[in-house]
Amino acid sequence: MDPLAPDPVQCAQANGPGVMSVDATEGGGAARREIYLRFDLAPETERTPLKGATLRLKTTKANLSKSNLSGELWSVETFTYESLSKRAPPRRGPGPIAPATGPIASDQVVEWKVPLDVVKAGPALCLSIATKSGDGVDYWNARGETPPVLVLEYE
């Protein structure tokens, strides 16, 4: 989604059904694209000690899905689908919570370790993926072949 002109409906249709994109530039310097993800956390997440959290996405099978960078993982303010129509959620903190990985291929699983203090911050975990690369990445979204997953490991 273009963080300067958010439109979830347009975003869902921009790259085909089930696809979400991250790109510093889109088509010769047009709007940049960021990914926004929301995971509603079960109440036991606040009560049960966590020992690990991982965000797992998969790139699409399209040749253009490969890139030199996966994108950085950011914590963002809590949002809803409706609020995304009005504004992109502001980032929390001075920098990303997990760095971009190196080169990625089409049809590849990509994982970011999520700091546990970010997971414990509330009943919903809201994240963004942004990149400094103009070589964009296409990932499957919640309606895609392999939806995003937040893997929580409990003690």
N, C-alpha and C. Protein backbone atom coordinates (compact mmCIF):
# COMPACT_ATOMS: atom_id res chain seq x y z
N MET A 1 0.84 -1.17 0.00
CA MET A 1 0.00 0.00 0.00
C MET A 1 0.89 1.24 0.00
N ASP A 2 0.47 2.25 -0.69
CA ASP A 2 1.18 3.53 -0.70
C ASP A 2 0.93 4.21 0.64
N PRO A 3 1.98 4.39 1.48
CA PRO A 3 1.77 4.99 2.79
C PRO A 3 1.34 6.45 2.75
N LEU A 4 1.55 7.12 1.61
CA LEU A 4 1.15 8.53 1.50
C LEU A 4 -0.28 8.69 0.98
N ALA A 5 -0.82 7.65 0.38
CA ALA A 5 -2.19 7.67 -0.12
C ALA A 5 -2.80 6.30 0.10
N PRO A 6 -3.04 5.92 1.35
CA PRO A 6 -3.50 4.56 1.64
C PRO A 6 -4.90 4.27 1.08
N ASP A 7 -5.02 3.09 0.50
CA ASP A 7 -6.30 2.64 -0.04
C ASP A 7 -6.28 1.12 -0.05
N PRO A 8 -6.81 0.47 1.01
CA PRO A 8 -6.76 -0.99 1.09
C PRO A 8 -7.44 -1.69 -0.08
N VAL A 9 -8.49 -1.12 -0.61
CA VAL A 9 -9.19 -1.75 -1.73
C VAL A 9 -8.30 -1.76 -2.97
N GLN A 10 -7.72 -0.62 -3.29
CA GLN A 10 -6.82 -0.52 -4.44
C GLN A 10 -5.61 -1.42 -4.23
N CYS A 11 -5.09 -1.44 -3.02
CA CYS A 11 -3.92 -2.25 -2.70
C CYS A 11 -4.20 -3.73 -2.94
N ALA A 12 -5.37 -4.19 -2.54
CA ALA A 12 -5.74 -5.60 -2.70
C ALA A 12 -5.85 -6.01 -4.17
N GLN A 13 -6.06 -5.04 -5.06
CA GLN A 13 -6.24 -5.33 -6.48
C GLN A 13 -5.01 -4.99 -7.32
N ALA A 14 -4.06 -4.26 -6.76
CA ALA A 14 -2.95 -3.71 -7.55
C ALA A 14 -2.08 -4.77 -8.22
N ASN A 15 -1.73 -5.82 -7.52
CA ASN A 15 -0.80 -6.81 -8.07
C ASN A 15 -1.43 -8.17 -8.29
N GLY A 16 -2.73 -8.19 -8.33
CA GLY A 16 -3.44 -9.44 -8.55
C GLY A 16 -3.96 -10.00 -7.24
N PRO A 17 -4.90 -10.92 -7.32
CA PRO A 17 -5.52 -11.47 -6.12
C PRO A 17 -4.51 -12.20 -5.24
N GLY A 18 -4.57 -11.92 -3.95
CA GLY A 18 -3.74 -12.62 -2.99
C GLY A 18 -2.31 -12.14 -2.87
N VAL A 19 -1.98 -11.02 -3.50
CA VAL A 19 -0.59 -10.55 -3.54
C VAL A 19 -0.46 -9.19 -2.86
N MET A 20 0.61 -9.03 -2.08
CA MET A 20 0.95 -7.73 -1.48
C MET A 20 2.41 -7.44 -1.82
N SER A 21 2.74 -6.16 -2.00
CA SER A 21 4.07 -5.78 -2.47
C SER A 21 4.74 -4.78 -1.55
N VAL A 22 6.06 -4.87 -1.52
CA VAL A 22 6.89 -3.87 -0.85
C VAL A 22 7.93 -3.42 -1.86
N ASP A 23 8.10 -2.09 -1.98
CA ASP A 23 8.99 -1.53 -2.99
C ASP A 23 9.30 -0.09 -2.62
N ALA A 24 10.55 0.32 -2.78
CA ALA A 24 10.90 1.71 -2.50
C ALA A 24 10.33 2.62 -3.58
N THR A 25 10.26 2.12 -4.79
CA THR A 25 9.63 2.85 -5.90
C THR A 25 8.82 1.86 -6.70
N GLU A 26 7.80 2.33 -7.33
CA GLU A 26 6.93 1.45 -8.11
C GLU A 26 6.87 1.99 -9.53
N GLY A 27 7.43 1.27 -10.47
CA GLY A 27 7.33 1.63 -11.88
C GLY A 27 7.95 2.97 -12.22
N GLY A 28 9.25 3.09 -12.13
CA GLY A 28 9.93 4.30 -12.55
C GLY A 28 9.76 5.48 -11.61
N GLY A 29 9.70 5.24 -10.33
CA GLY A 29 9.69 6.34 -9.38
C GLY A 29 8.32 6.74 -8.87
N ALA A 30 7.29 5.98 -9.21
CA ALA A 30 5.96 6.29 -8.69
C ALA A 30 5.90 5.95 -7.20
N ALA A 31 4.74 5.78 -6.68
CA ALA A 31 4.52 5.59 -5.24
C ALA A 31 5.27 4.39 -4.68
N ARG A 32 5.82 4.58 -3.48
CA ARG A 32 6.46 3.45 -2.79
C ARG A 32 5.35 2.58 -2.20
N ARG A 33 5.69 1.34 -1.91
CA ARG A 33 4.74 0.39 -1.37
C ARG A 33 5.28 -0.19 -0.06
N GLU A 34 4.42 -0.23 0.95
CA GLU A 34 4.74 -0.88 2.21
C GLU A 34 3.65 -1.89 2.51
N ILE A 35 3.99 -2.87 3.32
CA ILE A 35 3.04 -3.90 3.72
C ILE A 35 2.65 -3.64 5.17
N TYR A 36 1.36 -3.75 5.47
CA TYR A 36 0.86 -3.60 6.84
C TYR A 36 0.18 -4.90 7.24
N LEU A 37 0.56 -5.43 8.38
CA LEU A 37 0.03 -6.70 8.88
C LEU A 37 -0.51 -6.52 10.29
N ARG A 38 -1.64 -7.12 10.57
CA ARG A 38 -2.21 -7.09 11.91
C ARG A 38 -2.51 -8.54 12.34
N PHE A 39 -2.03 -8.88 13.52
CA PHE A 39 -2.30 -10.18 14.11
C PHE A 39 -3.00 -9.95 15.44
N ASP A 40 -4.23 -10.43 15.56
CA ASP A 40 -4.94 -10.35 16.83
C ASP A 40 -4.42 -11.47 17.72
N LEU A 41 -3.93 -11.11 18.90
CA LEU A 41 -3.29 -12.07 19.79
C LEU A 41 -4.30 -12.66 20.77
N ALA A 42 -4.14 -13.94 21.03
CA ALA A 42 -5.00 -14.62 22.00
C ALA A 42 -4.64 -14.13 23.40
N PRO A 43 -5.61 -14.11 24.32
CA PRO A 43 -5.35 -13.64 25.68
C PRO A 43 -4.19 -14.35 26.37
N GLU A 44 -3.96 -15.63 26.04
CA GLU A 44 -2.86 -16.34 26.71
C GLU A 44 -1.49 -15.78 26.35
N THR A 45 -1.41 -15.01 25.27
CA THR A 45 -0.14 -14.38 24.90
C THR A 45 0.33 -13.44 26.00
N GLU A 46 -0.60 -12.79 26.68
CA GLU A 46 -0.23 -11.88 27.76
C GLU A 46 0.07 -12.62 29.06
N ARG A 47 -0.49 -13.83 29.23
CA ARG A 47 -0.34 -14.57 30.48
C ARG A 47 0.75 -15.63 30.45
N THR A 48 1.04 -16.17 29.28
CA THR A 48 1.98 -17.28 29.16
C THR A 48 3.33 -16.78 28.67
N PRO A 49 4.42 -17.18 29.33
CA PRO A 49 5.75 -16.73 28.89
C PRO A 49 6.08 -17.19 27.47
N LEU A 50 6.50 -16.26 26.68
CA LEU A 50 6.93 -16.56 25.31
C LEU A 50 8.44 -16.76 25.30
N LYS A 51 8.90 -17.66 24.45
CA LYS A 51 10.35 -17.79 24.27
C LYS A 51 10.79 -17.42 22.86
N GLY A 52 9.83 -17.19 21.98
CA GLY A 52 10.19 -16.78 20.63
C GLY A 52 8.98 -16.38 19.81
N ALA A 53 9.22 -15.50 18.82
CA ALA A 53 8.18 -15.07 17.89
C ALA A 53 8.82 -14.84 16.53
N THR A 54 8.17 -15.36 15.49
CA THR A 54 8.70 -15.25 14.13
C THR A 54 7.58 -14.90 13.17
N LEU A 55 7.82 -13.90 12.33
CA LEU A 55 6.91 -13.58 11.25
C LEU A 55 7.38 -14.35 10.02
N ARG A 56 6.45 -15.06 9.39
CA ARG A 56 6.79 -15.88 8.22
C ARG A 56 5.90 -15.47 7.05
N LEU A 57 6.55 -15.06 5.96
CA LEU A 57 5.86 -14.74 4.71
C LEU A 57 6.47 -15.58 3.60
N LYS A 58 5.75 -15.70 2.51
CA LYS A 58 6.28 -16.42 1.36
C LYS A 58 6.12 -15.56 0.12
N THR A 59 7.17 -15.51 -0.69
CA THR A 59 7.09 -14.78 -1.95
C THR A 59 6.24 -15.58 -2.93
N THR A 60 5.66 -14.88 -3.88
CA THR A 60 4.85 -15.55 -4.89
C THR A 60 5.76 -16.29 -5.86
N LYS A 61 5.15 -17.05 -6.74
CA LYS A 61 5.93 -17.83 -7.71
C LYS A 61 6.35 -17.01 -8.92
N ALA A 62 5.84 -15.79 -9.03
CA ALA A 62 6.17 -14.94 -10.18
C ALA A 62 7.65 -14.59 -10.20
N ASN A 63 8.22 -14.53 -11.36
CA ASN A 63 9.65 -14.22 -11.50
C ASN A 63 10.00 -12.87 -10.89
N LEU A 64 9.07 -11.91 -10.94
CA LEU A 64 9.35 -10.58 -10.40
C LEU A 64 9.31 -10.53 -8.87
N SER A 65 8.98 -11.64 -8.23
CA SER A 65 8.92 -11.67 -6.77
C SER A 65 10.30 -11.65 -6.14
N LYS A 66 11.31 -12.07 -6.84
CA LYS A 66 12.65 -12.09 -6.27
C LYS A 66 13.20 -10.67 -6.14
N SER A 67 14.12 -10.50 -5.18
CA SER A 67 14.66 -9.17 -4.92
C SER A 67 16.01 -9.27 -4.23
N ASN A 68 16.69 -8.14 -4.17
CA ASN A 68 17.96 -8.10 -3.44
C ASN A 68 17.75 -7.91 -1.94
N LEU A 69 16.54 -7.52 -1.50
CA LEU A 69 16.24 -7.34 -0.08
C LEU A 69 14.80 -7.76 0.21
N SER A 70 14.59 -8.33 1.40
CA SER A 70 13.25 -8.76 1.81
C SER A 70 12.37 -7.61 2.28
N GLY A 71 13.01 -6.58 2.85
CA GLY A 71 12.31 -5.49 3.52
C GLY A 71 12.58 -5.56 5.01
N GLU A 72 12.59 -4.40 5.66
CA GLU A 72 12.79 -4.32 7.11
C GLU A 72 11.45 -4.45 7.80
N LEU A 73 11.47 -5.00 9.01
CA LEU A 73 10.26 -5.17 9.79
C LEU A 73 10.16 -4.06 10.83
N TRP A 74 9.02 -3.35 10.84
CA TRP A 74 8.77 -2.24 11.76
C TRP A 74 7.56 -2.55 12.63
N SER A 75 7.59 -2.06 13.84
CA SER A 75 6.41 -2.04 14.69
C SER A 75 5.66 -0.75 14.37
N VAL A 76 4.34 -0.84 14.22
CA VAL A 76 3.53 0.34 13.92
C VAL A 76 2.39 0.43 14.92
N GLU A 77 1.81 1.62 15.00
CA GLU A 77 0.66 1.81 15.88
C GLU A 77 -0.49 0.90 15.45
N THR A 78 -1.32 0.56 16.42
CA THR A 78 -2.46 -0.32 16.15
C THR A 78 -3.36 0.29 15.08
N PHE A 79 -3.81 -0.55 14.16
CA PHE A 79 -4.70 -0.09 13.09
C PHE A 79 -5.78 -1.12 12.84
N THR A 80 -6.81 -0.68 12.13
CA THR A 80 -7.87 -1.56 11.66
C THR A 80 -7.95 -1.40 10.14
N TYR A 81 -8.70 -2.27 9.51
CA TYR A 81 -8.89 -2.15 8.06
C TYR A 81 -9.48 -0.78 7.72
N GLU A 82 -10.44 -0.35 8.52
CA GLU A 82 -11.09 0.93 8.28
C GLU A 82 -10.11 2.10 8.44
N SER A 83 -9.26 2.05 9.46
CA SER A 83 -8.33 3.16 9.69
C SER A 83 -7.26 3.24 8.59
N LEU A 84 -6.96 2.11 7.93
CA LEU A 84 -5.99 2.14 6.82
C LEU A 84 -6.49 2.96 5.64
N SER A 85 -7.79 3.15 5.54
CA SER A 85 -8.35 3.97 4.46
C SER A 85 -8.08 5.46 4.69
N LYS A 86 -7.78 5.82 5.93
CA LYS A 86 -7.57 7.23 6.26
C LYS A 86 -6.09 7.62 6.34
N ARG A 87 -5.27 6.70 6.92
CA ARG A 87 -3.85 7.01 7.05
C ARG A 87 -3.06 5.74 7.32
N ALA A 88 -1.82 5.76 6.90
CA ALA A 88 -0.93 4.65 7.23
C ALA A 88 -0.56 4.77 8.71
N PRO A 89 -0.48 3.67 9.43
CA PRO A 89 -0.14 3.75 10.84
C PRO A 89 1.30 4.23 11.03
N PRO A 90 1.53 5.15 11.95
CA PRO A 90 2.89 5.62 12.21
C PRO A 90 3.77 4.52 12.78
N ARG A 91 5.04 4.58 12.45
CA ARG A 91 6.01 3.62 12.97
C ARG A 91 6.29 3.92 14.44
N ARG A 92 6.58 2.86 15.18
CA ARG A 92 6.98 3.00 16.59
C ARG A 92 8.50 2.82 16.66
N GLY A 93 9.12 3.65 17.45
CA GLY A 93 10.56 3.49 17.66
C GLY A 93 11.40 4.15 16.60
N PRO A 94 12.70 4.25 16.89
CA PRO A 94 13.62 4.95 16.00
C PRO A 94 14.10 4.14 14.80
N GLY A 95 13.84 2.83 14.82
CA GLY A 95 14.33 2.00 13.72
C GLY A 95 13.56 0.71 13.61
N PRO A 96 13.89 -0.09 12.60
CA PRO A 96 13.19 -1.36 12.41
C PRO A 96 13.44 -2.31 13.59
N ILE A 97 12.48 -3.20 13.82
CA ILE A 97 12.63 -4.19 14.89
C ILE A 97 13.36 -5.44 14.39
N ALA A 98 13.46 -5.59 13.08
CA ALA A 98 14.23 -6.68 12.47
C ALA A 98 14.73 -6.20 11.11
N PRO A 99 15.99 -6.52 10.80
CA PRO A 99 16.56 -6.04 9.54
C PRO A 99 16.06 -6.82 8.32
N ALA A 100 16.31 -6.25 7.17
CA ALA A 100 16.02 -6.96 5.92
C ALA A 100 17.00 -8.12 5.78
N THR A 101 16.53 -9.18 5.17
CA THR A 101 17.44 -10.28 4.85
C THR A 101 18.07 -9.99 3.50
N GLY A 102 19.03 -10.76 3.13
CA GLY A 102 19.70 -10.58 1.85
C GLY A 102 18.82 -10.97 0.69
N PRO A 103 19.42 -11.32 -0.43
CA PRO A 103 18.64 -11.67 -1.63
C PRO A 103 17.63 -12.78 -1.35
N ILE A 104 16.46 -12.65 -1.96
CA ILE A 104 15.42 -13.67 -1.84
C ILE A 104 14.93 -14.06 -3.23
N ALA A 105 14.45 -15.28 -3.33
CA ALA A 105 14.00 -15.83 -4.61
C ALA A 105 12.48 -15.88 -4.67
N SER A 106 11.97 -16.16 -5.84
CA SER A 106 10.54 -16.43 -6.00
C SER A 106 10.21 -17.71 -5.25
N ASP A 107 8.99 -17.80 -4.71
CA ASP A 107 8.51 -18.99 -4.03
C ASP A 107 9.40 -19.38 -2.84
N GLN A 108 9.84 -18.37 -2.09
CA GLN A 108 10.72 -18.60 -0.93
C GLN A 108 10.05 -18.14 0.36
N VAL A 109 10.23 -18.90 1.42
CA VAL A 109 9.77 -18.50 2.74
C VAL A 109 10.78 -17.50 3.30
N VAL A 110 10.28 -16.40 3.84
CA VAL A 110 11.13 -15.37 4.45
C VAL A 110 10.66 -15.19 5.89
N GLU A 111 11.62 -15.16 6.82
CA GLU A 111 11.28 -15.03 8.23
C GLU A 111 12.03 -13.89 8.89
N TRP A 112 11.33 -13.24 9.82
CA TRP A 112 11.91 -12.19 10.66
C TRP A 112 11.66 -12.58 12.12
N LYS A 113 12.66 -12.48 12.96
CA LYS A 113 12.46 -12.68 14.40
C LYS A 113 11.82 -11.41 14.95
N VAL A 114 10.74 -11.58 15.71
CA VAL A 114 10.01 -10.46 16.29
C VAL A 114 10.40 -10.36 17.77
N PRO A 115 10.89 -9.20 18.21
CA PRO A 115 11.24 -9.05 19.63
C PRO A 115 10.04 -9.30 20.53
N LEU A 116 10.26 -10.03 21.60
CA LEU A 116 9.16 -10.41 22.48
C LEU A 116 8.47 -9.22 23.13
N ASP A 117 9.21 -8.14 23.42
CA ASP A 117 8.56 -6.98 24.03
C ASP A 117 7.55 -6.34 23.07
N VAL A 118 7.76 -6.48 21.78
CA VAL A 118 6.81 -5.95 20.79
C VAL A 118 5.54 -6.81 20.78
N VAL A 119 5.70 -8.12 20.91
CA VAL A 119 4.55 -9.02 20.91
C VAL A 119 3.68 -8.77 22.15
N LYS A 120 4.30 -8.48 23.26
CA LYS A 120 3.58 -8.28 24.52
C LYS A 120 2.94 -6.90 24.64
N ALA A 121 3.09 -6.06 23.64
CA ALA A 121 2.64 -4.67 23.74
C ALA A 121 1.13 -4.48 23.72
N GLY A 122 0.36 -5.50 23.39
CA GLY A 122 -1.09 -5.30 23.38
C GLY A 122 -1.83 -6.48 22.80
N PRO A 123 -3.15 -6.35 22.68
CA PRO A 123 -3.97 -7.45 22.18
C PRO A 123 -3.83 -7.68 20.68
N ALA A 124 -3.22 -6.73 19.97
CA ALA A 124 -2.98 -6.90 18.54
C ALA A 124 -1.53 -6.53 18.25
N LEU A 125 -0.90 -7.29 17.38
CA LEU A 125 0.45 -6.99 16.93
C LEU A 125 0.34 -6.40 15.54
N CYS A 126 0.76 -5.15 15.39
CA CYS A 126 0.68 -4.47 14.09
C CYS A 126 2.09 -4.20 13.59
N LEU A 127 2.34 -4.62 12.37
CA LEU A 127 3.67 -4.56 11.79
C LEU A 127 3.63 -3.95 10.40
N SER A 128 4.79 -3.50 9.96
CA SER A 128 4.94 -2.99 8.60
C SER A 128 6.24 -3.56 8.03
N ILE A 129 6.23 -3.80 6.75
CA ILE A 129 7.45 -4.18 6.05
C ILE A 129 7.72 -3.07 5.04
N ALA A 130 8.92 -2.52 5.12
CA ALA A 130 9.33 -1.44 4.21
C ALA A 130 10.72 -1.77 3.69
N THR A 131 11.04 -1.29 2.52
CA THR A 131 12.36 -1.57 1.95
C THR A 131 12.99 -0.29 1.42
N LYS A 132 14.30 -0.33 1.32
CA LYS A 132 15.05 0.78 0.71
C LYS A 132 15.39 0.44 -0.73
N SER A 133 14.99 -0.74 -1.18
CA SER A 133 15.32 -1.22 -2.51
C SER A 133 14.21 -0.88 -3.51
N GLY A 134 14.61 -0.49 -4.69
CA GLY A 134 13.66 -0.28 -5.78
C GLY A 134 13.32 -1.57 -6.49
N ASP A 135 13.94 -2.67 -6.05
CA ASP A 135 13.67 -3.99 -6.60
C ASP A 135 12.64 -4.64 -5.70
N GLY A 136 11.38 -4.41 -5.98
CA GLY A 136 10.28 -4.82 -5.10
C GLY A 136 10.12 -6.31 -4.94
N VAL A 137 9.35 -6.68 -3.91
CA VAL A 137 9.06 -8.08 -3.59
C VAL A 137 7.55 -8.26 -3.53
N ASP A 138 7.07 -9.35 -4.09
CA ASP A 138 5.66 -9.71 -3.98
C ASP A 138 5.53 -10.90 -3.04
N TYR A 139 4.73 -10.70 -1.98
CA TYR A 139 4.45 -11.76 -1.01
C TYR A 139 2.98 -12.13 -1.12
N TRP A 140 2.65 -13.34 -0.67
CA TRP A 140 1.25 -13.72 -0.57
C TRP A 140 0.62 -12.99 0.62
N ASN A 141 -0.62 -12.51 0.44
CA ASN A 141 -1.32 -11.86 1.54
C ASN A 141 -2.28 -12.86 2.20
N ALA A 142 -3.14 -12.38 3.08
CA ALA A 142 -4.04 -13.25 3.83
C ALA A 142 -4.98 -14.05 2.94
N ARG A 143 -5.22 -13.60 1.72
CA ARG A 143 -6.10 -14.31 0.79
C ARG A 143 -5.31 -15.11 -0.25
N GLY A 144 -3.99 -15.10 -0.10
CA GLY A 144 -3.12 -15.75 -1.07
C GLY A 144 -2.90 -17.23 -0.79
N GLU A 145 -2.07 -17.81 -1.62
CA GLU A 145 -1.76 -19.24 -1.55
C GLU A 145 -1.12 -19.64 -0.21
N THR A 146 -0.23 -18.79 0.30
CA THR A 146 0.44 -19.05 1.58
C THR A 146 0.35 -17.78 2.42
N PRO A 147 -0.69 -17.63 3.23
CA PRO A 147 -0.89 -16.40 4.01
C PRO A 147 0.23 -16.16 5.03
N PRO A 148 0.43 -14.90 5.43
CA PRO A 148 1.40 -14.58 6.48
C PRO A 148 1.04 -15.30 7.78
N VAL A 149 2.08 -15.69 8.52
CA VAL A 149 1.88 -16.41 9.77
C VAL A 149 2.77 -15.78 10.84
N LEU A 150 2.21 -15.62 12.04
CA LEU A 150 3.01 -15.24 13.21
C LEU A 150 3.15 -16.50 14.04
N VAL A 151 4.36 -17.00 14.16
CA VAL A 151 4.64 -18.23 14.90
C VAL A 151 5.09 -17.82 16.30
N LEU A 152 4.32 -18.24 17.32
CA LEU A 152 4.65 -17.95 18.71
C LEU A 152 5.10 -19.22 19.39
N GLU A 153 6.26 -19.17 20.06
CA GLU A 153 6.77 -20.30 20.83
C GLU A 153 6.62 -19.98 22.30
N TYR A 154 5.91 -20.84 23.01
CA TYR A 154 5.70 -20.65 24.44
C TYR A 154 6.69 -21.50 25.23
N GLU A 155 7.02 -21.03 26.44
CA GLU A 155 7.93 -21.78 27.32
C GLU A 155 7.24 -23.01 27.85
